[in-house]
């Protein structure tokens, strides 16, 4: 009988997950490396050491920290899995495509501070990044329930944090577009999610 491709034997499921983790870590590593390769100090005449290096290093360290933050959440999610299906893989690929854009968008935003579209692109990128992470987590924990090692309270806490990040960056994007009321609504909607995450953290600490 032909095996169901979405429910492979355990050892094949592990292989699929291992390949996904390898690809994901590779994309995260390359994105960070590319941001390092973009360190190009301005060596013009009369330029001080600080002026020559500050912007390039700021772009690099911001890229490193922000990509690292996304990687930490991704690592936590995949640590709860035994295998991955096609839909989960596709969502993960969308996430990786966005991760690769982080250094480019950050460089553009910081090198064109006088233009609002740079920071708008930055805000929208992180809306999509955290939204994709939230979709991936929700799909694996509540959809197909593949995150068999995920403590329910931790998964809900993480989902609340991701939702909070989505709304905060959405508020920033709306503000940059001049939609002040919508930005305020988004910011206010983010508060309950942060409270839920805090409550989950408090209960987990009390249970230890």
C-alpha atoms as a PDB file:
ATOM      1  CA  UNK A   1       0.000   0.000   0.000  1.00  0.00           C
ATOM      2  CA  UNK A   2       1.291   3.475  -0.861  1.00  0.00           C
ATOM      3  CA  UNK A   3       2.292   5.542   2.156  1.00  0.00           C
ATOM      4  CA  UNK A   4       0.327   8.729   2.854  1.00  0.00           C
ATOM      5  CA  UNK A   5       2.778  11.507   2.014  1.00  0.00           C
ATOM      6  CA  UNK A   6       1.438  13.712   4.803  1.00  0.00           C
ATOM      7  CA  UNK A   7       1.827  10.938   7.423  1.00  0.00           C
ATOM      8  CA  UNK A   8       5.157   9.282   6.585  1.00  0.00           C
ATOM      9  CA  UNK A   9       6.808   6.626   8.741  1.00  0.00           C
ATOM     10  CA  UNK A  10       8.536   8.038  11.806  1.00  0.00           C
ATOM     11  CA  UNK A  11      12.067   7.793  10.378  1.00  0.00           C
ATOM     12  CA  UNK A  12      11.042   9.529   7.135  1.00  0.00           C
ATOM     13  CA  UNK A  13       9.237  12.231   9.084  1.00  0.00           C
ATOM     14  CA  UNK A  14      12.399  12.869  11.068  1.00  0.00           C
ATOM     15  CA  UNK A  15      14.394  13.165   7.848  1.00  0.00           C
ATOM     16  CA  UNK A  16      11.958  15.727   6.459  1.00  0.00           C
ATOM     17  CA  UNK A  17      12.241  17.759   9.649  1.00  0.00           C
ATOM     18  CA  UNK A  18      16.042  17.492   9.729  1.00  0.00           C
ATOM     19  CA  UNK A  19      16.299  18.730   6.138  1.00  0.00           C
ATOM     20  CA  UNK A  20      13.971  21.625   6.915  1.00  0.00           C
ATOM     21  CA  UNK A  21      16.034  22.596   9.973  1.00  0.00           C
ATOM     22  CA  UNK A  22      19.274  22.379   7.964  1.00  0.00           C
ATOM     23  CA  UNK A  23      17.884  24.605   5.213  1.00  0.00           C
ATOM     24  CA  UNK A  24      16.442  27.060   7.725  1.00  0.00           C
ATOM     25  CA  UNK A  25      19.667  27.396   9.700  1.00  0.00           C
ATOM     26  CA  UNK A  26      21.557  27.837   6.440  1.00  0.00           C
ATOM     27  CA  UNK A  27      19.309  30.704   5.325  1.00  0.00           C
ATOM     28  CA  UNK A  28      19.560  32.398   8.741  1.00  0.00           C
ATOM     29  CA  UNK A  29      23.360  32.038   8.680  1.00  0.00           C
ATOM     30  CA  UNK A  30      23.656  33.344   5.115  1.00  0.00           C
ATOM     31  CA  UNK A  31      21.419  36.334   5.880  1.00  0.00           C
ATOM     32  CA  UNK A  32      23.682  37.269   8.813  1.00  0.00           C
ATOM     33  CA  UNK A  33      26.813  36.669   6.731  1.00  0.00           C
ATOM     34  CA  UNK A  34      25.543  38.854   3.894  1.00  0.00           C
ATOM     35  CA  UNK A  35      24.925  41.681   6.339  1.00  0.00           C
ATOM     36  CA  UNK A  36      28.578  41.346   7.445  1.00  0.00           C
ATOM     37  CA  UNK A  37      29.773  41.413   3.833  1.00  0.00           C
ATOM     38  CA  UNK A  38      27.887  44.677   3.364  1.00  0.00           C
ATOM     39  CA  UNK A  39      30.136  46.425   5.924  1.00  0.00           C
ATOM     40  CA  UNK A  40      31.660  49.037   3.628  1.00  0.00           C
ATOM     41  CA  UNK A  41      33.109  51.999   5.496  1.00  0.00           C
ATOM     42  CA  UNK A  42      33.058  55.417   3.878  1.00  0.00           C
ATOM     43  CA  UNK A  43      36.715  56.177   3.213  1.00  0.00           C
ATOM     44  CA  UNK A  44      36.251  59.620   1.702  1.00  0.00           C
ATOM     45  CA  UNK A  45      38.630  62.458   2.454  1.00  0.00           C
ATOM     46  CA  UNK A  46      38.060  64.181   5.775  1.00  0.00           C
ATOM     47  CA  UNK A  47      35.832  61.398   7.091  1.00  0.00           C
ATOM     48  CA  UNK A  48      36.450  60.487  10.730  1.00  0.00           C
ATOM     49  CA  UNK A  49      36.789  56.919  11.936  1.00  0.00           C
ATOM     50  CA  UNK A  50      33.324  57.101  13.535  1.00  0.00           C
ATOM     51  CA  UNK A  51      31.724  58.478  10.373  1.00  0.00           C
ATOM     52  CA  UNK A  52      33.410  55.820   8.268  1.00  0.00           C
ATOM     53  CA  UNK A  53      32.296  52.814  10.290  1.00  0.00           C
ATOM     54  CA  UNK A  54      29.245  53.752  12.362  1.00  0.00           C
ATOM     55  CA  UNK A  55      26.481  53.265   9.759  1.00  0.00           C
ATOM     56  CA  UNK A  56      27.834  49.994   8.351  1.00  0.00           C
ATOM     57  CA  UNK A  57      28.309  48.529  11.816  1.00  0.00           C
ATOM     58  CA  UNK A  58      24.859  49.712  12.924  1.00  0.00           C
ATOM     59  CA  UNK A  59      23.271  47.956   9.938  1.00  0.00           C
ATOM     60  CA  UNK A  60      25.239  44.784  10.693  1.00  0.00           C
ATOM     61  CA  UNK A  61      24.451  44.613  14.411  1.00  0.00           C
ATOM     62  CA  UNK A  62      20.784  45.489  13.910  1.00  0.00           C
ATOM     63  CA  UNK A  63      20.519  42.774  11.260  1.00  0.00           C
ATOM     64  CA  UNK A  64      22.312  40.284  13.512  1.00  0.00           C
ATOM     65  CA  UNK A  65      20.110  40.992  16.544  1.00  0.00           C
ATOM     66  CA  UNK A  66      16.820  41.012  14.627  1.00  0.00           C
ATOM     67  CA  UNK A  67      17.599  37.899  12.585  1.00  0.00           C
ATOM     68  CA  UNK A  68      18.818  36.225  15.766  1.00  0.00           C
ATOM     69  CA  UNK A  69      15.527  37.050  17.518  1.00  0.00           C
ATOM     70  CA  UNK A  70      13.548  35.448  14.688  1.00  0.00           C
ATOM     71  CA  UNK A  71      15.862  32.418  14.741  1.00  0.00           C
ATOM     72  CA  UNK A  72      15.345  31.921  18.487  1.00  0.00           C
ATOM     73  CA  UNK A  73      11.573  31.775  18.021  1.00  0.00           C
ATOM     74  CA  UNK A  74      11.954  29.459  15.016  1.00  0.00           C
ATOM     75  CA  UNK A  75      14.313  27.166  16.962  1.00  0.00           C
ATOM     76  CA  UNK A  76      11.795  26.948  19.795  1.00  0.00           C
ATOM     77  CA  UNK A  77       8.971  26.017  17.416  1.00  0.00           C
ATOM     78  CA  UNK A  78      10.872  23.293  15.552  1.00  0.00           C
ATOM     79  CA  UNK A  79      12.141  21.834  18.839  1.00  0.00           C
ATOM     80  CA  UNK A  80       8.534  20.852  19.560  1.00  0.00           C
ATOM     81  CA  UNK A  81       8.206  18.795  16.357  1.00  0.00           C
ATOM     82  CA  UNK A  82       8.750  15.156  15.428  1.00  0.00           C
ATOM     83  CA  UNK A  83       8.093  15.708  11.730  1.00  0.00           C
ATOM     84  CA  UNK A  84       6.769  18.298   9.279  1.00  0.00           C
ATOM     85  CA  UNK A  85       4.217  18.147   6.478  1.00  0.00           C
ATOM     86  CA  UNK A  86       4.018  19.923   3.114  1.00  0.00           C
ATOM     87  CA  UNK A  87       1.902  22.841   4.299  1.00  0.00           C
ATOM     88  CA  UNK A  88       4.209  23.466   7.269  1.00  0.00           C
ATOM     89  CA  UNK A  89       7.194  23.347   4.931  1.00  0.00           C
ATOM     90  CA  UNK A  90       5.611  25.910   2.601  1.00  0.00           C
ATOM     91  CA  UNK A  91       4.898  28.293   5.499  1.00  0.00           C
ATOM     92  CA  UNK A  92       8.491  27.850   6.657  1.00  0.00           C
ATOM     93  CA  UNK A  93       9.781  28.635   3.153  1.00  0.00           C
ATOM     94  CA  UNK A  94       7.765  31.867   3.128  1.00  0.00           C
ATOM     95  CA  UNK A  95       9.385  32.766   6.459  1.00  0.00           C
ATOM     96  CA  UNK A  96      12.868  32.104   5.079  1.00  0.00           C
ATOM     97  CA  UNK A  97      12.210  34.272   2.024  1.00  0.00           C
ATOM     98  CA  UNK A  98      11.386  37.154   4.374  1.00  0.00           C
ATOM     99  CA  UNK A  99      14.408  36.534   6.619  1.00  0.00           C
ATOM    100  CA  UNK A 100      16.711  36.924   3.613  1.00  0.00           C
ATOM    101  CA  UNK A 101      15.320  40.454   3.061  1.00  0.00           C
ATOM    102  CA  UNK A 102      16.112  41.733   6.572  1.00  0.00           C
ATOM    103  CA  UNK A 103      19.658  43.090   5.891  1.00  0.00           C
ATOM    104  CA  UNK A 104      18.531  44.777   2.651  1.00  0.00           C
ATOM    105  CA  UNK A 105      15.536  46.496   4.242  1.00  0.00           C
ATOM    106  CA  UNK A 106      17.471  47.603   7.332  1.00  0.00           C
ATOM    107  CA  UNK A 107      20.262  49.059   5.186  1.00  0.00           C
ATOM    108  CA  UNK A 108      17.759  50.941   3.052  1.00  0.00           C
ATOM    109  CA  UNK A 109      15.915  52.327   6.087  1.00  0.00           C
ATOM    110  CA  UNK A 110      19.095  53.504   7.818  1.00  0.00           C
ATOM    111  CA  UNK A 111      20.803  54.932   4.733  1.00  0.00           C
ATOM    112  CA  UNK A 112      17.686  56.896   3.716  1.00  0.00           C
ATOM    113  CA  UNK A 113      16.455  58.238   7.093  1.00  0.00           C
ATOM    114  CA  UNK A 114      14.828  61.232   5.424  1.00  0.00           C
ATOM    115  CA  UNK A 115      12.439  58.955   3.522  1.00  0.00           C
ATOM    116  CA  UNK A 116       9.458  57.463   5.332  1.00  0.00           C
ATOM    117  CA  UNK A 117       9.200  54.578   2.859  1.00  0.00           C
ATOM    118  CA  UNK A 118      12.369  53.019   4.286  1.00  0.00           C
ATOM    119  CA  UNK A 119      10.924  52.710   7.776  1.00  0.00           C
ATOM    120  CA  UNK A 120       7.567  51.738   6.289  1.00  0.00           C
ATOM    121  CA  UNK A 121       9.265  48.853   4.463  1.00  0.00           C
ATOM    122  CA  UNK A 122      11.011  47.913   7.724  1.00  0.00           C
ATOM    123  CA  UNK A 123       7.716  47.897   9.652  1.00  0.00           C
ATOM    124  CA  UNK A 124       5.866  45.932   6.983  1.00  0.00           C
ATOM    125  CA  UNK A 125       8.654  43.353   6.728  1.00  0.00           C
ATOM    126  CA  UNK A 126       8.473  42.644  10.457  1.00  0.00           C
ATOM    127  CA  UNK A 127       4.696  42.519  10.356  1.00  0.00           C
ATOM    128  CA  UNK A 128       5.026  39.758   7.761  1.00  0.00           C
ATOM    129  CA  UNK A 129       7.860  38.006   9.618  1.00  0.00           C
ATOM    130  CA  UNK A 130       6.033  37.782  12.936  1.00  0.00           C
ATOM    131  CA  UNK A 131       2.721  37.024  11.220  1.00  0.00           C
ATOM    132  CA  UNK A 132       4.331  34.118   9.343  1.00  0.00           C
ATOM    133  CA  UNK A 133       5.853  32.811  12.574  1.00  0.00           C
ATOM    134  CA  UNK A 134       2.432  33.066  14.256  1.00  0.00           C
ATOM    135  CA  UNK A 135       0.755  31.232  11.356  1.00  0.00           C
ATOM    136  CA  UNK A 136       3.422  28.514  11.479  1.00  0.00           C
ATOM    137  CA  UNK A 137       3.008  28.088  15.243  1.00  0.00           C
ATOM    138  CA  UNK A 138      -0.798  28.110  15.097  1.00  0.00           C
ATOM    139  CA  UNK A 139      -0.803  25.597  12.247  1.00  0.00           C
ATOM    140  CA  UNK A 140       1.540  23.199  14.029  1.00  0.00           C
ATOM    141  CA  UNK A 141      -0.058  23.474  17.476  1.00  0.00           C
ATOM    142  CA  UNK A 142      -3.758  23.984  16.696  1.00  0.00           C
ATOM    143  CA  UNK A 143      -4.141  22.913  13.077  1.00  0.00           C
ATOM    144  CA  UNK A 144      -2.445  19.580  12.447  1.00  0.00           C
ATOM    145  CA  UNK A 145      -1.141  19.358  16.032  1.00  0.00           C
ATOM    146  CA  UNK A 146       2.342  18.262  15.010  1.00  0.00           C
ATOM    147  CA  UNK A 147       3.996  20.165  17.856  1.00  0.00           C
ATOM    148  CA  UNK A 148       3.606  17.180  20.155  1.00  0.00           C
ATOM    149  CA  UNK A 149       6.288  18.376  22.576  1.00  0.00           C
ATOM    150  CA  UNK A 150       4.825  21.867  22.998  1.00  0.00           C
ATOM    151  CA  UNK A 151       3.460  22.592  26.494  1.00  0.00           C
ATOM    152  CA  UNK A 152       0.067  24.223  25.800  1.00  0.00           C
ATOM    153  CA  UNK A 153       0.759  27.179  28.103  1.00  0.00           C
ATOM    154  CA  UNK A 154       4.128  27.887  26.439  1.00  0.00           C
ATOM    155  CA  UNK A 155       2.633  27.649  22.948  1.00  0.00           C
ATOM    156  CA  UNK A 156      -0.188  30.047  23.883  1.00  0.00           C
ATOM    157  CA  UNK A 157       2.276  32.410  25.521  1.00  0.00           C
ATOM    158  CA  UNK A 158       4.483  32.453  22.421  1.00  0.00           C
ATOM    159  CA  UNK A 159       1.489  32.922  20.124  1.00  0.00           C
ATOM    160  CA  UNK A 160       0.363  35.907  22.218  1.00  0.00           C
ATOM    161  CA  UNK A 161       3.852  37.453  22.003  1.00  0.00           C
ATOM    162  CA  UNK A 162       3.920  37.007  18.226  1.00  0.00           C
ATOM    163  CA  UNK A 163       0.464  38.559  17.917  1.00  0.00           C
ATOM    164  CA  UNK A 164       1.655  41.472  20.064  1.00  0.00           C
ATOM    165  CA  UNK A 165       4.652  42.017  17.757  1.00  0.00           C
ATOM    166  CA  UNK A 166       2.429  41.903  14.653  1.00  0.00           C
ATOM    167  CA  UNK A 167       0.107  44.565  16.061  1.00  0.00           C
ATOM    168  CA  UNK A 168       2.942  46.825  17.270  1.00  0.00           C
ATOM    169  CA  UNK A 169       4.677  46.824  13.871  1.00  0.00           C
ATOM    170  CA  UNK A 170       1.294  47.248  12.168  1.00  0.00           C
ATOM    171  CA  UNK A 171       0.673  50.305  14.338  1.00  0.00           C
ATOM    172  CA  UNK A 172       4.057  51.709  13.291  1.00  0.00           C
ATOM    173  CA  UNK A 173       3.293  51.122   9.605  1.00  0.00           C
ATOM    174  CA  UNK A 174      -0.138  52.750   9.907  1.00  0.00           C
ATOM    175  CA  UNK A 175       1.365  55.722  11.742  1.00  0.00           C
ATOM    176  CA  UNK A 176       3.940  56.217   8.972  1.00  0.00           C
ATOM    177  CA  UNK A 177       1.093  56.227   6.463  1.00  0.00           C
ATOM    178  CA  UNK A 178      -0.637  58.955   8.422  1.00  0.00           C
ATOM    179  CA  UNK A 179      -3.482  56.739   9.606  1.00  0.00           C
ATOM    180  CA  UNK A 180      -3.256  57.829  13.227  1.00  0.00           C
ATOM    181  CA  UNK A 181      -6.584  56.461  14.480  1.00  0.00           C
ATOM    182  CA  UNK A 182      -5.930  53.012  12.973  1.00  0.00           C
ATOM    183  CA  UNK A 183      -2.426  53.059  14.481  1.00  0.00           C
ATOM    184  CA  UNK A 184      -3.850  53.827  17.940  1.00  0.00           C
ATOM    185  CA  UNK A 185      -6.435  51.034  17.587  1.00  0.00           C
ATOM    186  CA  UNK A 186      -3.680  48.548  16.655  1.00  0.00           C
ATOM    187  CA  UNK A 187      -1.503  49.678  19.561  1.00  0.00           C
ATOM    188  CA  UNK A 188      -4.390  49.335  22.012  1.00  0.00           C
ATOM    189  CA  UNK A 189      -5.300  45.909  20.614  1.00  0.00           C
ATOM    190  CA  UNK A 190      -1.724  44.787  21.291  1.00  0.00           C
ATOM    191  CA  UNK A 191      -1.983  45.461  25.035  1.00  0.00           C
ATOM    192  CA  UNK A 192      -4.290  42.505  25.913  1.00  0.00           C
ATOM    193  CA  UNK A 193      -2.020  40.103  24.018  1.00  0.00           C
ATOM    194  CA  UNK A 194       1.002  41.268  25.987  1.00  0.00           C
ATOM    195  CA  UNK A 195      -1.036  40.871  29.195  1.00  0.00           C
ATOM    196  CA  UNK A 196      -1.976  37.295  28.206  1.00  0.00           C
ATOM    197  CA  UNK A 197       1.692  36.483  27.558  1.00  0.00           C
ATOM    198  CA  UNK A 198       2.673  37.997  30.913  1.00  0.00           C
ATOM    199  CA  UNK A 199      -0.028  36.014  32.741  1.00  0.00           C
ATOM    200  CA  UNK A 200       1.113  32.780  31.099  1.00  0.00           C
ATOM    201  CA  UNK A 201       4.715  33.513  32.102  1.00  0.00           C
ATOM    202  CA  UNK A 202       3.653  34.229  35.698  1.00  0.00           C
ATOM    203  CA  UNK A 203       1.654  31.010  35.960  1.00  0.00           C
ATOM    204  CA  UNK A 204       4.549  28.991  34.475  1.00  0.00           C
ATOM    205  CA  UNK A 205       6.941  30.557  37.023  1.00  0.00           C
ATOM    206  CA  UNK A 206       4.587  29.752  39.910  1.00  0.00           C
ATOM    207  CA  UNK A 207       4.266  26.142  38.734  1.00  0.00           C
ATOM    208  CA  UNK A 208       8.028  25.575  38.840  1.00  0.00           C
END
